[in-house]
C-alpha atoms as a PDB file:
ATOM      1  CA  MET A   1      -7.333  16.396  47.837  1.00  0.00           C
ATOM      2  CA  GLN A   2      -7.220  13.978  44.658  1.00  0.00           C
ATOM      3  CA  ILE A   3      -5.514  15.810  41.982  1.00  0.00           C
ATOM      4  CA  THR A   4      -6.893  14.375  38.132  1.00  0.00           C
ATOM      5  CA  ALA A   5      -5.666  14.244  35.522  1.00  0.00           C
ATOM      6  CA  ALA A   6      -8.440  16.575  33.808  1.00  0.00           C
ATOM      7  CA  MET A   7      -6.800  19.066  36.427  1.00  0.00           C
ATOM      8  CA  VAL A   8      -3.770  18.377  34.840  1.00  0.00           C
ATOM      9  CA  LYS A   9      -4.492  18.544  31.419  1.00  0.00           C
ATOM     10  CA  GLU A  10      -6.101  21.520  32.178  1.00  0.00           C
ATOM     11  CA  LEU A  11      -3.263  23.537  33.887  1.00  0.00           C
ATOM     12  CA  ARG A  12      -1.292  22.151  31.102  1.00  0.00           C
ATOM     13  CA  GLU A  13      -3.376  23.886  28.530  1.00  0.00           C
ATOM     14  CA  ARG A  14      -3.012  27.120  30.686  1.00  0.00           C
ATOM     15  CA  THR A  15       0.842  26.967  31.816  1.00  0.00           C
ATOM     16  CA  GLY A  16       2.446  24.938  28.597  1.00  0.00           C
ATOM     17  CA  ALA A  17       4.416  23.140  31.529  1.00  0.00           C
ATOM     18  CA  GLY A  18       5.462  19.732  31.514  1.00  0.00           C
ATOM     19  CA  MET A  19       2.736  17.213  33.639  1.00  0.00           C
ATOM     20  CA  MET A  20       4.597  16.404  36.399  1.00  0.00           C
ATOM     21  CA  ASP A  21       5.692  20.213  37.606  1.00  0.00           C
ATOM     22  CA  CYS A  22       1.551  20.710  37.078  1.00  0.00           C
ATOM     23  CA  LYS A  23       1.023  17.882  38.883  1.00  0.00           C
ATOM     24  CA  ARG A  24       3.786  19.324  41.744  1.00  0.00           C
ATOM     25  CA  ALA A  25       1.503  22.859  42.328  1.00  0.00           C
ATOM     26  CA  LEU A  26      -1.336  22.202  41.823  1.00  0.00           C
ATOM     27  CA  THR A  27      -0.545  18.963  44.997  1.00  0.00           C
ATOM     28  CA  GLU A  28       0.116  22.412  46.427  1.00  0.00           C
ATOM     29  CA  ALA A  29      -2.356  24.168  45.830  1.00  0.00           C
ATOM     30  CA  ASP A  30      -4.765  21.773  47.119  1.00  0.00           C
ATOM     31  CA  GLY A  31      -6.326  21.540  43.426  1.00  0.00           C
ATOM     32  CA  ASP A  32      -7.247  25.695  43.078  1.00  0.00           C
ATOM     33  CA  LEU A  33      -5.927  26.080  39.491  1.00  0.00           C
ATOM     34  CA  ASP A  34      -5.314  29.315  40.169  1.00  0.00           C
ATOM     35  CA  LYS A  35      -3.343  29.557  42.760  1.00  0.00           C
ATOM     36  CA  ALA A  36      -1.095  26.645  41.007  1.00  0.00           C
ATOM     37  CA  ILE A  37      -1.142  28.773  38.297  1.00  0.00           C
ATOM     38  CA  GLY A  38       0.846  31.630  41.271  1.00  0.00           C
ATOM     39  CA  ILE A  39       3.104  28.964  42.412  1.00  0.00           C
ATOM     40  CA  MET A  40       4.238  27.772  38.851  1.00  0.00           C
ATOM     41  CA  ARG A  41       4.831  31.502  38.124  1.00  0.00           C
ATOM     42  CA  LEU A  42       6.925  31.706  40.474  1.00  0.00           C
ATOM     43  CA  SER A  43       8.313  28.598  40.279  1.00  0.00           C
ATOM     44  CA  GLY A  44       9.120  30.202  36.480  1.00  0.00           C
ATOM     45  CA  GLN A  45      10.779  33.707  37.962  1.00  0.00           C
ATOM     46  CA  ALA A  46      13.135  31.739  40.211  1.00  0.00           C
ATOM     47  CA  LYS A  47      14.700  29.628  37.617  1.00  0.00           C
ATOM     48  CA  ALA A  48      14.442  32.470  34.893  1.00  0.00           C
ATOM     49  CA  ASP A  49      16.470  34.848  37.503  1.00  0.00           C
ATOM     50  CA  LYS A  50      18.716  32.177  37.921  1.00  0.00           C
ATOM     51  CA  ARG A  51      19.799  31.644  34.686  1.00  0.00           C
ATOM     52  CA  ALA A  52      19.733  35.710  33.745  1.00  0.00           C
ATOM     53  CA  GLY A  53      22.960  35.592  33.848  1.00  0.00           C
ATOM     54  CA  ARG A  54      23.721  33.325  30.765  1.00  0.00           C
ATOM     55  CA  THR A  55      25.391  34.449  27.553  1.00  0.00           C
ATOM     56  CA  THR A  56      22.691  33.984  24.734  1.00  0.00           C
ATOM     57  CA  ALA A  57      24.201  34.900  21.726  1.00  0.00           C
ATOM     58  CA  GLU A  58      22.447  31.940  19.565  1.00  0.00           C
ATOM     59  CA  GLY A  59      18.652  32.301  19.078  1.00  0.00           C
ATOM     60  CA  VAL A  60      16.831  33.112  16.003  1.00  0.00           C
ATOM     61  CA  VAL A  61      15.293  36.070  13.824  1.00  0.00           C
ATOM     62  CA  THR A  62      12.197  36.942  12.794  1.00  0.00           C
ATOM     63  CA  ILE A  63      10.193  39.027  10.585  1.00  0.00           C
ATOM     64  CA  ARG A  64       6.623  40.187  10.554  1.00  0.00           C
ATOM     65  CA  MET A  65       4.002  41.853   7.332  1.00  0.00           C
ATOM     66  CA  ASP A  66       1.344  42.899   7.508  1.00  0.00           C
ATOM     67  CA  GLY A  67      -0.963  43.007   4.086  1.00  0.00           C
ATOM     68  CA  THR A  68      -0.042  46.143   2.486  1.00  0.00           C
ATOM     69  CA  ALA A  69       3.541  45.454   2.430  1.00  0.00           C
ATOM     70  CA  ARG A  70       4.259  49.084   4.101  1.00  0.00           C
ATOM     71  CA  ARG A  71       4.626  48.104   7.511  1.00  0.00           C
ATOM     72  CA  ALA A  72       6.904  45.602   9.232  1.00  0.00           C
ATOM     73  CA  ALA A  73       7.996  44.546  12.552  1.00  0.00           C
ATOM     74  CA  MET A  74      11.801  42.955  12.828  1.00  0.00           C
ATOM     75  CA  VAL A  75      12.816  40.635  16.427  1.00  0.00           C
ATOM     76  CA  GLU A  76      15.636  38.886  17.591  1.00  0.00           C
ATOM     77  CA  VAL A  77      15.331  37.114  20.534  1.00  0.00           C
ATOM     78  CA  ASN A  78      18.140  34.894  21.700  1.00  0.00           C
ATOM     79  CA  CYS A  79      19.196  31.857  23.936  1.00  0.00           C
ATOM     80  CA  GLU A  80      22.416  30.350  24.929  1.00  0.00           C
ATOM     81  CA  THR A  81      22.401  27.261  22.569  1.00  0.00           C
ATOM     82  CA  ASP A  82      21.852  26.417  18.970  1.00  0.00           C
ATOM     83  CA  PHE A  83      19.967  23.238  20.328  1.00  0.00           C
ATOM     84  CA  VAL A  84      17.317  25.989  21.662  1.00  0.00           C
ATOM     85  CA  ALA A  85      16.712  28.468  18.771  1.00  0.00           C
ATOM     86  CA  LYS A  86      15.880  24.930  16.700  1.00  0.00           C
ATOM     87  CA  GLU A  87      12.874  23.382  18.703  1.00  0.00           C
ATOM     88  CA  ALA A  88       9.646  25.072  17.815  1.00  0.00           C
ATOM     89  CA  GLU A  89       8.304  26.175  21.398  1.00  0.00           C
ATOM     90  CA  PHE A  90      11.785  28.343  21.507  1.00  0.00           C
ATOM     91  CA  ARG A  91      10.303  29.554  17.519  1.00  0.00           C
ATOM     92  CA  SER A  92       6.809  30.240  18.237  1.00  0.00           C
ATOM     93  CA  PHE A  93       7.770  32.117  20.928  1.00  0.00           C
ATOM     94  CA  ALA A  94       9.601  34.436  19.036  1.00  0.00           C
ATOM     95  CA  ASN A  95       6.902  34.615  15.661  1.00  0.00           C
ATOM     96  CA  ALA A  96       3.986  35.727  19.016  1.00  0.00           C
ATOM     97  CA  VAL A  97       6.560  38.132  20.093  1.00  0.00           C
ATOM     98  CA  CYS A  98       7.450  39.685  16.465  1.00  0.00           C
ATOM     99  CA  ALA A  99       3.229  39.251  15.669  1.00  0.00           C
ATOM    100  CA  ARG A 100       2.756  41.538  19.014  1.00  0.00           C
ATOM    101  CA  VAL A 101       5.262  44.745  18.293  1.00  0.00           C
ATOM    102  CA  LEU A 102       3.967  44.802  14.072  1.00  0.00           C
ATOM    103  CA  ALA A 103       0.524  45.205  16.257  1.00  0.00           C
ATOM    104  CA  ALA A 104       0.897  47.236  18.933  1.00  0.00           C
ATOM    105  CA  ASP A 105       4.530  49.267  17.812  1.00  0.00           C
ATOM    106  CA  PRO A 106       6.107  49.417  21.579  1.00  0.00           C
ATOM    107  CA  ALA A 107       8.973  51.584  22.347  1.00  0.00           C
ATOM    108  CA  ASP A 108      11.013  49.211  23.806  1.00  0.00           C
ATOM    109  CA  VAL A 109      11.922  45.953  25.590  1.00  0.00           C
ATOM    110  CA  ASP A 110      10.975  46.704  28.980  1.00  0.00           C
ATOM    111  CA  GLU A 111       7.464  47.616  27.492  1.00  0.00           C
ATOM    112  CA  LEU A 112       6.671  45.120  25.520  1.00  0.00           C
ATOM    113  CA  GLY A 113       7.700  42.956  27.880  1.00  0.00           C
ATOM    114  CA  ARG A 114       4.863  44.686  29.716  1.00  0.00           C
ATOM    115  CA  MET A 115       2.264  43.910  27.067  1.00  0.00           C
ATOM    116  CA  PRO A 116      -0.507  41.207  26.615  1.00  0.00           C
ATOM    117  CA  PHE A 117       1.758  37.767  25.353  1.00  0.00           C
ATOM    118  CA  ASP A 118      -1.576  36.120  24.135  1.00  0.00           C
ATOM    119  CA  ILE A 119      -5.860  36.791  23.394  1.00  0.00           C
ATOM    120  CA  ASP A 120      -6.680  36.131  26.671  1.00  0.00           C
ATOM    121  CA  GLY A 121      -4.427  37.956  28.360  1.00  0.00           C
ATOM    122  CA  ARG A 122      -3.301  35.774  31.291  1.00  0.00           C
ATOM    123  CA  ALA A 123       0.179  36.321  31.112  1.00  0.00           C
ATOM    124  CA  SER A 124       2.173  39.146  29.699  1.00  0.00           C
ATOM    125  CA  ILE A 125       5.201  38.644  26.869  1.00  0.00           C
ATOM    126  CA  GLU A 126       7.930  39.137  30.555  1.00  0.00           C
ATOM    127  CA  GLU A 127       5.391  35.967  31.932  1.00  0.00           C
ATOM    128  CA  ALA A 128       5.779  33.843  29.540  1.00  0.00           C
ATOM    129  CA  ARG A 129       9.712  33.880  28.603  1.00  0.00           C
ATOM    130  CA  ARG A 130      10.350  33.468  32.306  1.00  0.00           C
ATOM    131  CA  GLY A 131       8.132  30.584  31.890  1.00  0.00           C
ATOM    132  CA  LEU A 132       9.694  29.325  28.991  1.00  0.00           C
ATOM    133  CA  VAL A 133      12.822  29.559  30.515  1.00  0.00           C
ATOM    134  CA  ALA A 134      11.943  27.334  33.868  1.00  0.00           C
ATOM    135  CA  LYS A 135      10.220  24.558  30.501  1.00  0.00           C
ATOM    136  CA  ILE A 136      13.594  24.788  28.395  1.00  0.00           C
ATOM    137  CA  GLY A 137      16.330  24.963  30.652  1.00  0.00           C
ATOM    138  CA  GLU A 138      17.986  28.114  28.959  1.00  0.00           C
ATOM    139  CA  ASN A 139      18.178  31.999  29.382  1.00  0.00           C
ATOM    140  CA  ILE A 140      15.953  33.370  26.758  1.00  0.00           C
ATOM    141  CA  SER A 141      16.207  37.080  25.904  1.00  0.00           C
ATOM    142  CA  ILE A 142      14.147  39.442  23.482  1.00  0.00           C
ATOM    143  CA  ARG A 143      17.679  41.260  22.349  1.00  0.00           C
ATOM    144  CA  ARG A 144      15.825  43.799  19.975  1.00  0.00           C
ATOM    145  CA  PHE A 145      13.135  44.661  17.552  1.00  0.00           C
ATOM    146  CA  ALA A 146      11.896  47.015  14.580  1.00  0.00           C
ATOM    147  CA  ALA A 147       8.692  48.445  13.943  1.00  0.00           C
ATOM    148  CA  ILE A 148       9.603  49.831  10.331  1.00  0.00           C
ATOM    149  CA  ASP A 149       6.579  51.934   8.385  1.00  0.00           C
ATOM    150  CA  SER A 150       7.536  52.456   4.702  1.00  0.00           C
ATOM    151  CA  GLN A 151       8.207  56.352   4.153  1.00  0.00           C
ATOM    152  CA  GLY A 152       8.340  55.363   0.461  1.00  0.00           C
ATOM    153  CA  ASP A 153       5.776  52.953  -1.562  1.00  0.00           C
ATOM    154  CA  ARG A 154       6.683  49.606  -0.283  1.00  0.00           C
ATOM    155  CA  LEU A 155       9.048  47.498   2.427  1.00  0.00           C
ATOM    156  CA  GLY A 156      11.356  44.514   1.141  1.00  0.00           C
ATOM    157  CA  ALA A 157      12.113  42.133   3.491  1.00  0.00           C
ATOM    158  CA  TYR A 158      14.197  38.623   3.457  1.00  0.00           C
ATOM    159  CA  LEU A 159      15.085  35.974   6.269  1.00  0.00           C
ATOM    160  CA  HIS A 160      19.042  34.303   5.469  1.00  0.00           C
ATOM    161  CA  GLY A 161      17.364  30.596   7.220  1.00  0.00           C
ATOM    162  CA  THR A 162      16.867  32.208  11.064  1.00  0.00           C
ATOM    163  CA  ARG A 163      19.981  34.029  11.431  1.00  0.00           C
ATOM    164  CA  ILE A 164      20.127  37.266   9.562  1.00  0.00           C
ATOM    165  CA  GLY A 165      16.677  39.704   8.856  1.00  0.00           C
ATOM    166  CA  VAL A 166      16.865  42.613   6.567  1.00  0.00           C
ATOM    167  CA  VAL A 167      13.386  45.085   5.853  1.00  0.00           C
ATOM    168  CA  VAL A 168      14.817  47.531   3.016  1.00  0.00           C
ATOM    169  CA  ASP A 169      11.980  50.757   2.746  1.00  0.00           C
ATOM    170  CA  LEU A 170      11.594  51.388  -1.221  1.00  0.00           C
ATOM    171  CA  GLU A 171      10.337  53.966  -3.537  1.00  0.00           C
ATOM    172  CA  GLY A 172       9.518  52.874  -6.900  1.00  0.00           C
ATOM    173  CA  ALA A 173      10.724  49.203  -6.538  1.00  0.00           C
ATOM    174  CA  ASP A 174       8.118  45.820  -7.984  1.00  0.00           C
ATOM    175  CA  ASP A 175       8.728  42.921  -5.166  1.00  0.00           C
ATOM    176  CA  VAL A 176      11.824  41.453  -7.313  1.00  0.00           C
ATOM    177  CA  VAL A 177      13.627  44.653  -6.614  1.00  0.00           C
ATOM    178  CA  ALA A 178      12.327  45.227  -3.053  1.00  0.00           C
ATOM    179  CA  ARG A 179      13.877  40.851  -1.910  1.00  0.00           C
ATOM    180  CA  ASP A 180      16.877  41.537  -4.736  1.00  0.00           C
ATOM    181  CA  VAL A 181      17.910  44.856  -2.294  1.00  0.00           C
ATOM    182  CA  ALA A 182      17.387  43.163   1.041  1.00  0.00           C
ATOM    183  CA  MET A 183      18.482  39.630   0.010  1.00  0.00           C
ATOM    184  CA  HIS A 184      22.291  42.185  -1.015  1.00  0.00           C
ATOM    185  CA  VAL A 185      21.508  43.506   2.428  1.00  0.00           C
ATOM    186  CA  ALA A 186      21.669  39.990   3.899  1.00  0.00           C
ATOM    187  CA  ALA A 187      24.973  39.495   2.067  1.00  0.00           C
ATOM    188  CA  SER A 188      27.424  42.312   2.157  1.00  0.00           C
ATOM    189  CA  ARG A 189      25.948  44.080   5.274  1.00  0.00           C
ATOM    190  CA  PRO A 190      25.997  47.886   4.060  1.00  0.00           C
ATOM    191  CA  VAL A 191      26.760  50.206   7.299  1.00  0.00           C
ATOM    192  CA  ALA A 192      24.074  52.793   5.682  1.00  0.00           C
ATOM    193  CA  VAL A 193      22.746  53.638   2.198  1.00  0.00           C
ATOM    194  CA  GLY A 194      24.783  56.277   1.282  1.00  0.00           C
ATOM    195  CA  GLU A 195      27.927  58.183   1.250  1.00  0.00           C
ATOM    196  CA  SER A 196      26.339  60.671   3.647  1.00  0.00           C
ATOM    197  CA  ASP A 197      24.353  57.795   6.064  1.00  0.00           C
ATOM    198  CA  VAL A 198      27.731  56.672   6.919  1.00  0.00           C
ATOM    199  CA  PRO A 199      28.490  57.746  10.577  1.00  0.00           C
ATOM    200  CA  GLU A 200      31.365  60.487  11.293  1.00  0.00           C
ATOM    201  CA  GLU A 201      32.875  58.525  13.807  1.00  0.00           C
ATOM    202  CA  MET A 202      33.508  55.675  11.376  1.00  0.00           C
ATOM    203  CA  ILE A 203      34.897  57.784   8.692  1.00  0.00           C
ATOM    204  CA  ALA A 204      37.408  59.230  10.868  1.00  0.00           C
ATOM    205  CA  ARG A 205      38.616  55.817  12.883  1.00  0.00           C
ATOM    206  CA  GLU A 206      39.579  54.844   8.665  1.00  0.00           C
ATOM    207  CA  ARG A 207      40.738  57.624   7.733  1.00  0.00           C
ATOM    208  CA  GLU A 208      43.334  58.017  11.456  1.00  0.00           C
ATOM    209  CA  ILE A 209      43.681  54.020   9.665  1.00  0.00           C
ATOM    210  CA  LEU A 210      44.135  55.192   5.873  1.00  0.00           C
ATOM    211  CA  GLU A 211      46.507  58.283   6.977  1.00  0.00           C
ATOM    212  CA  ALA A 212      48.712  56.360   8.848  1.00  0.00           C
ATOM    213  CA  GLN A 213      49.193  53.914   6.101  1.00  0.00           C
ATOM    214  CA  VAL A 214      49.769  56.624   3.431  1.00  0.00           C
ATOM    215  CA  ALA A 215      52.539  58.220   5.627  1.00  0.00           C
ATOM    216  CA  GLY A 216      54.291  55.497   5.839  1.00  0.00           C
ATOM    217  CA  SER A 217      54.660  55.356   1.513  1.00  0.00           C
ATOM    218  CA  GLY A 218      57.181  57.623   1.022  1.00  0.00           C
ATOM    219  CA  LYS A 219      55.353  59.110  -1.294  1.00  0.00           C
ATOM    220  CA  PRO A 220      55.749  63.018  -1.939  1.00  0.00           C
ATOM    221  CA  ALA A 221      53.399  64.848   0.262  1.00  0.00           C
ATOM    222  CA  GLU A 222      50.933  65.329  -3.207  1.00  0.00           C
ATOM    223  CA  ILE A 223      51.218  62.054  -4.059  1.00  0.00           C
ATOM    224  CA  ARG A 224      49.443  61.025  -0.420  1.00  0.00           C
ATOM    225  CA  LYS A 225      46.853  62.996  -0.570  1.00  0.00           C
ATOM    226  CA  LYS A 226      45.465  61.764  -4.403  1.00  0.00           C
ATOM    227  CA  MET A 227      45.853  58.543  -2.309  1.00  0.00           C
ATOM    228  CA  LEU A 228      44.414  58.926   1.279  1.00  0.00           C
ATOM    229  CA  ALA A 229      41.160  60.498  -1.005  1.00  0.00           C
ATOM    230  CA  GLY A 230      41.390  57.430  -3.093  1.00  0.00           C
ATOM    231  CA  ARG A 231      41.283  55.654  -0.037  1.00  0.00           C
ATOM    232  CA  ILE A 232      38.523  57.173   1.646  1.00  0.00           C
ATOM    233  CA  ALA A 233      36.663  56.888  -1.389  1.00  0.00           C
ATOM    234  CA  LYS A 234      36.846  52.825  -1.850  1.00  0.00           C
ATOM    235  CA  PHE A 235      36.028  52.543   1.518  1.00  0.00           C
ATOM    236  CA  LEU A 236      32.490  54.680   1.207  1.00  0.00           C
ATOM    237  CA  ARG A 237      31.882  52.145  -1.476  1.00  0.00           C
ATOM    238  CA  GLU A 238      32.069  49.276   0.256  1.00  0.00           C
ATOM    239  CA  VAL A 239      29.828  50.311   3.524  1.00  0.00           C
ATOM    240  CA  THR A 240      27.208  51.487   1.596  1.00  0.00           C
ATOM    241  CA  LEU A 241      24.481  50.497   0.421  1.00  0.00           C
ATOM    242  CA  LEU A 242      24.648  52.471  -2.852  1.00  0.00           C
ATOM    243  CA  GLY A 243      28.089  51.359  -3.519  1.00  0.00           C
ATOM    244  CA  GLN A 244      28.908  47.801  -3.870  1.00  0.00           C
ATOM    245  CA  PRO A 245      28.676  45.854  -6.065  1.00  0.00           C
ATOM    246  CA  PHE A 246      25.650  44.183  -6.682  1.00  0.00           C
ATOM    247  CA  VAL A 247      25.227  40.433  -5.437  1.00  0.00           C
ATOM    248  CA  LYS A 248      22.684  39.479  -8.238  1.00  0.00           C
ATOM    249  CA  ASP A 249      25.677  41.008 -11.139  1.00  0.00           C
ATOM    250  CA  PRO A 250      29.403  42.434  -9.361  1.00  0.00           C
ATOM    251  CA  GLU A 251      29.665  43.824 -12.588  1.00  0.00           C
ATOM    252  CA  GLN A 252      27.707  47.163 -11.623  1.00  0.00           C
ATOM    253  CA  PRO A 253      26.824  49.176  -8.342  1.00  0.00           C
ATOM    254  CA  VAL A 254      23.641  48.444  -6.445  1.00  0.00           C
ATOM    255  CA  GLY A 255      23.133  52.252  -7.145  1.00  0.00           C
ATOM    256  CA  GLU A 256      23.043  51.917 -10.945  1.00  0.00           C
ATOM    257  CA  TYR A 257      20.349  48.973 -10.903  1.00  0.00           C
ATOM    258  CA  LEU A 258      17.960  50.690  -8.887  1.00  0.00           C
ATOM    259  CA  ARG A 259      18.389  53.314 -11.018  1.00  0.00           C
ATOM    260  CA  ALA A 260      17.256  51.033 -14.030  1.00  0.00           C
ATOM    261  CA  SER A 261      14.471  49.665 -12.074  1.00  0.00           C
ATOM    262  CA  GLY A 262      13.754  53.422 -11.570  1.00  0.00           C
ATOM    263  CA  ALA A 263      13.891  52.782  -7.415  1.00  0.00           C
ATOM    264  CA  THR A 264      15.432  54.635  -4.637  1.00  0.00           C
ATOM    265  CA  VAL A 265      16.381  53.252  -1.277  1.00  0.00           C
ATOM    266  CA  CYS A 266      14.921  55.291   1.404  1.00  0.00           C
ATOM    267  CA  ARG A 267      16.106  52.731   4.738  1.00  0.00           C
ATOM    268  CA  PHE A 268      16.994  49.321   5.995  1.00  0.00           C
ATOM    269  CA  GLU A 269      17.085  47.421   9.009  1.00  0.00           C
ATOM    270  CA  ARG A 270      19.342  44.422   9.318  1.00  0.00           C
ATOM    271  CA  PHE A 271      19.763  42.006  12.029  1.00  0.00           C
ATOM    272  CA  GLU A 272      21.649  39.157  12.551  1.00  0.00           C
ATOM    273  CA  VAL A 273      21.874  36.891  15.462  1.00  0.00           C
ATOM    274  CA  GLY A 274      24.544  37.363  18.222  1.00  0.00           C
ATOM    275  CA  GLU A 275      25.702  39.754  16.144  1.00  0.00           C
ATOM    276  CA  GLY A 276      28.467  41.870  18.923  1.00  0.00           C
ATOM    277  CA  ILE A 277      27.806  39.445  21.607  1.00  0.00           C
ATOM    278  CA  GLU A 278      30.969  37.714  23.343  1.00  0.00           C
ATOM    279  CA  LYS A 279      30.278  34.432  23.339  1.00  0.00           C
ATOM    280  CA  GLN A 280      31.329  32.500  26.438  1.00  0.00           C
ATOM    281  CA  ALA A 281      33.794  29.348  26.146  1.00  0.00           C
ATOM    282  CA  GLY A 282      33.006  26.621  28.319  1.00  0.00           C
ATOM    283  CA  ASN A 283      32.233  22.598  28.234  1.00  0.00           C
ATOM    284  CA  PHE A 284      29.087  21.448  27.235  1.00  0.00           C
ATOM    285  CA  ALA A 285      29.457  18.298  28.471  1.00  0.00           C
ATOM    286  CA  GLU A 286      29.456  19.147  31.928  1.00  0.00           C
ATOM    287  CA  GLU A 287      27.136  22.117  31.269  1.00  0.00           C
ATOM    288  CA  VAL A 288      24.439  18.898  30.600  1.00  0.00           C
ATOM    289  CA  MET A 289      25.304  17.366  33.654  1.00  0.00           C
ATOM    290  CA  ALA A 290      24.816  20.616  35.682  1.00  0.00           C
ATOM    291  CA  GLN A 291      21.536  20.655  34.456  1.00  0.00           C
ATOM    292  CA  ALA A 292      21.212  16.726  34.909  1.00  0.00           C
ATOM    293  CA  ARG A 293      21.518  17.262  37.779  1.00  0.00           C
ATOM    294  CA  GLY A 294      19.146  20.504  38.778  1.00  0.00           C
ATOM    295  CA  ARG A 295      21.813  22.512  39.614  1.00  0.00           C
END
């Protein structure tokens, strides 16, 4: 059967794949559009499986908020290089995934992957991800997401470029305060809102380190006890949102800024691209040549 330009165009619109890939699939399917789509999905799955073990430490964080400012979604989607992270198609995929999280509130990444990627429901998010892997030539993963419903009366959000995203849940705050606090969280990386929210295991680890430092000071026992208490208090100020110096006015802690504004923070979520992922060292030139050879 003759494969026409119109047939190739329609398949490209349906799949987003390249012209030559569409033509090959249509030829193999003898012009059957649905069969060609199936062939391309299988091909995309094979390519995605081949690249699945590659480290994805680059990518983007994206945020979507509903019209009431009381519900938000934040997603981190990863890829292998910052070149792909800047591509419009990759970012469009991340934004679409975030919109789905906001609308559907999936339980986990696996459930999210099974959800329809677009309105027509012809492909799932996982199928769309695999198709993008096949098209772009890099491993792509949806690392994590958060769906936040406000326990207070508003949410504040801040994106620092596309690499750091923050959503803060507040009570009694206006738009300016909400954004200020979200910006502070992005810059200062608190681990908890207040001292009572700091994980016990984190405090225990820090206490062990500080005890060793104080023990080597040569000071009397009572002085060492006071030194330890002071250093733990300093540590808690450094890692808590309320105790940290406010980035826009370091002379006052965030807690004082919030009290003066009549606001409180219920919780926050902060994502940073690649946080905690160990990057693999490699020869970039060799990787490019390997991809050019189709390996």
